[in-house]
Every structure is written in C-alpha cells, then in structure tokens.
Amino acid sequence: MKNQHVEKINKFMAHSLPGHMEMEVIAIGEGLVKAKMPVNYKTRQPYGLLHGGASAAFAETLGSLGSALTIEKENMIPVGIEINATHVKKVSEGFVFGEAKLIQKSKKLHVWDIRISNEEQELVCIARHTVLIVEKK
C-alpha cells in the first residue's frame, strides 16, 4: 500500500514545482519523508553547482508534504511559513537525497528537520522548515 501511496504522491506533484524540478518521493513513514532530486540544468546555478534555492525548495517540499500527510482533518492544509537552509557542500552532478523528520507537532504548527545528502551520503544542506496548518478555503 505504501508504494501505491508514493506513486500517487509523485503523480499529484508532477504538474507543479516539484515535478518541474524532477523531485521524486521514494519513501514515507510516520513523521518521515524521503525523496531524491537530480542535479541538472533545472536545479543548477550558472556556475554549474546545485542552486541553493533548489535545495531550499526541495527541503520545503519535503516538510510541507510531510505535514500534508500528517494532517488528520480534510479541510486543513499545510502552508510553509519559514525555511532556513545552510549549504555545507557543493554538488555539480548526480542526485541529492532528502530526508525530512518531524521534530515538533501541535494542532496548528509543525517543525521539520531536513537533511540533504549527495550520492556518497555526505551532507550537502541542513534545513529547518516551519509549517502552519490552516483551513482550506
């Protein structure tokens, strides 16, 4: 069932920013989302390195998606209100892998810790994402 859920999530994201950047969810769990993103012409800056904004968008996508999967009421949606990303290693090719873990949860606020690593499992970016849970209008 989880593999079917992951496929459904990837189809849902296909026609928005995550799809454009070729992000792919690879695993979900309780308070956990794992995904990968290619380092290519869509995600690199002009000097050939992974763009910091692409890493931040990747991190925010994982945290917001994790919150969407955690919300229990159908009339509520996650809205990112803060993202902080520290880039600690350059990447110019291949894939990066993100792992988001829920570190604080209340009715209206979720805080996620996101670690982005390269193919050698070296840390590339450390991010924290805060999500507000609001009523869908």
Protein backbone atom coordinates (compact mmCIF):
# COMPACT_ATOMS: atom_id res chain seq x y z
CA MET A 1 0.00 0.00 0.00
CA LYS A 2 2.82 2.47 0.81
CA ASN A 3 4.37 2.04 -2.65
CA GLN A 4 0.98 2.85 -4.21
CA HIS A 5 0.73 5.89 -1.93
CA VAL A 6 4.21 7.09 -3.01
CA GLU A 7 3.23 6.70 -6.69
CA LYS A 8 0.05 8.69 -6.08
CA ILE A 9 2.04 11.47 -4.36
CA ASN A 10 4.51 11.67 -7.25
CA LYS A 11 1.65 11.92 -9.77
CA PHE A 12 -0.01 14.63 -7.64
CA MET A 13 3.21 16.70 -7.64
CA ALA A 14 4.01 16.15 -11.33
CA HIS A 15 2.43 19.36 -12.62
CA SER A 16 3.83 21.78 -10.05
CA LEU A 17 7.27 22.96 -8.93
CA PRO A 18 8.36 19.55 -7.54
CA GLY A 19 7.54 17.93 -10.88
CA HIS A 20 9.36 20.63 -12.85
CA MET A 21 12.45 20.07 -10.70
CA GLU A 22 12.04 16.28 -11.10
CA MET A 23 11.72 15.62 -7.35
CA GLU A 24 10.64 12.06 -6.60
CA VAL A 25 9.34 10.79 -3.27
CA ILE A 26 10.90 7.41 -2.52
CA ALA A 27 9.58 6.62 0.98
CA ILE A 28 7.10 7.86 3.55
CA GLY A 29 6.51 6.95 7.16
CA GLU A 30 5.22 8.34 10.43
CA GLY A 31 6.75 11.84 10.59
CA LEU A 32 9.19 10.97 7.79
CA VAL A 33 9.52 11.73 4.07
CA LYS A 34 12.43 10.67 1.83
CA ALA A 35 12.93 11.87 -1.74
CA LYS A 36 15.54 12.43 -4.42
CA MET A 37 16.20 15.26 -6.87
CA PRO A 38 18.58 15.37 -9.84
CA VAL A 39 21.35 17.93 -10.08
CA ASN A 40 20.85 19.05 -13.68
CA TYR A 41 20.18 22.13 -15.80
CA LYS A 42 16.90 22.68 -13.93
CA THR A 43 18.48 22.73 -10.48
CA ARG A 44 21.98 24.16 -11.07
CA GLN A 45 23.03 27.80 -10.89
CA PRO A 46 25.03 29.38 -13.77
CA TYR A 47 28.37 28.19 -12.29
CA GLY A 48 27.31 24.56 -12.60
CA LEU A 49 26.60 23.87 -8.92
CA LEU A 50 23.36 22.89 -7.23
CA HIS A 51 21.44 26.13 -6.67
CA GLY A 52 20.81 26.96 -3.01
CA GLY A 53 17.25 27.89 -3.90
CA ALA A 54 16.73 24.44 -5.40
CA SER A 55 17.90 22.87 -2.14
CA ALA A 56 15.56 25.17 -0.19
CA ALA A 57 12.64 24.33 -2.50
CA PHE A 58 13.45 20.62 -2.09
CA ALA A 59 13.52 20.95 1.71
CA GLU A 60 10.29 22.96 1.81
CA THR A 61 8.57 20.44 -0.45
CA LEU A 62 9.53 17.56 1.86
CA GLY A 63 8.40 19.35 5.01
CA SER A 64 5.13 20.58 3.52
CA LEU A 65 4.40 17.16 2.05
CA GLY A 66 5.13 15.55 5.40
CA SER A 67 2.68 17.92 7.07
CA ALA A 68 0.04 17.22 4.41
CA LEU A 69 0.38 13.51 5.18
CA THR A 70 0.16 14.17 8.93
CA ILE A 71 -2.94 16.41 8.96
CA GLU A 72 -5.97 14.49 10.14
CA LYS A 73 -8.74 16.87 9.01
CA GLU A 74 -9.58 17.10 5.29
CA ASN A 75 -10.49 20.81 5.49
CA MET A 76 -6.96 21.76 6.65
CA ILE A 77 -3.85 22.33 4.51
CA PRO A 78 -0.15 22.96 5.23
CA VAL A 79 1.37 26.36 4.44
CA GLY A 80 5.09 26.92 4.79
CA ILE A 81 5.87 29.99 6.88
CA GLU A 82 9.65 29.69 7.34
CA ILE A 83 12.56 27.90 5.71
CA ASN A 84 16.18 28.06 6.83
CA ALA A 85 18.83 26.28 4.82
CA THR A 86 22.57 26.05 5.41
CA HIS A 87 24.54 24.77 2.42
CA VAL A 88 27.62 22.88 3.60
CA LYS A 89 28.94 21.06 0.49
CA LYS A 90 28.82 21.70 -3.24
CA VAL A 91 27.29 19.27 -5.73
CA SER A 92 27.54 19.53 -9.52
CA GLU A 93 26.02 16.29 -10.83
CA GLY A 94 24.07 13.17 -9.96
CA PHE A 95 21.30 13.16 -7.39
CA VAL A 96 20.72 14.61 -3.95
CA PHE A 97 18.62 12.78 -1.39
CA GLY A 98 16.44 14.48 1.19
CA GLU A 99 15.15 13.13 4.47
CA ALA A 100 12.60 15.17 6.43
CA LYS A 101 11.82 14.31 10.05
CA LEU A 102 9.02 15.88 12.07
CA ILE A 103 10.60 17.34 15.22
CA GLN A 104 7.68 19.32 16.67
CA LYS A 105 3.94 18.93 16.13
CA SER A 106 0.94 20.78 17.51
CA LYS A 107 -2.56 21.30 16.09
CA LYS A 108 -1.53 24.36 14.08
CA LEU A 109 2.25 24.18 13.74
CA HIS A 110 4.76 21.59 12.51
CA VAL A 111 8.56 21.93 12.50
CA TRP A 112 10.66 19.71 10.23
CA ASP A 113 14.38 18.93 10.17
CA ILE A 114 15.55 18.20 6.62
CA ARG A 115 18.95 16.76 5.71
CA ILE A 116 20.04 16.73 2.08
CA SER A 117 22.94 14.46 1.10
CA ASN A 118 24.81 13.57 -2.08
CA GLU A 119 25.18 10.10 -3.62
CA GLU A 120 28.12 9.40 -1.28
CA GLN A 121 25.83 10.14 1.70
CA GLU A 122 27.80 13.31 2.50
CA LEU A 123 25.75 16.14 3.98
CA VAL A 124 25.04 18.90 1.44
CA CYS A 125 22.38 21.01 3.18
CA ILE A 126 20.80 21.25 6.63
CA ALA A 127 17.34 22.84 6.69
CA ARG A 128 14.55 23.60 9.10
CA HIS A 129 11.02 24.22 7.84
CA THR A 130 8.07 25.56 9.83
CA VAL A 131 4.57 24.79 8.57
CA LEU A 132 1.32 26.44 9.63
CA ILE A 133 -1.83 24.31 9.40
CA VAL A 134 -4.70 26.45 8.08
CA GLU A 135 -8.28 25.94 6.99
CA LYS A 136 -8.69 25.24 3.27
CA LYS A 137 -10.76 27.95 1.59
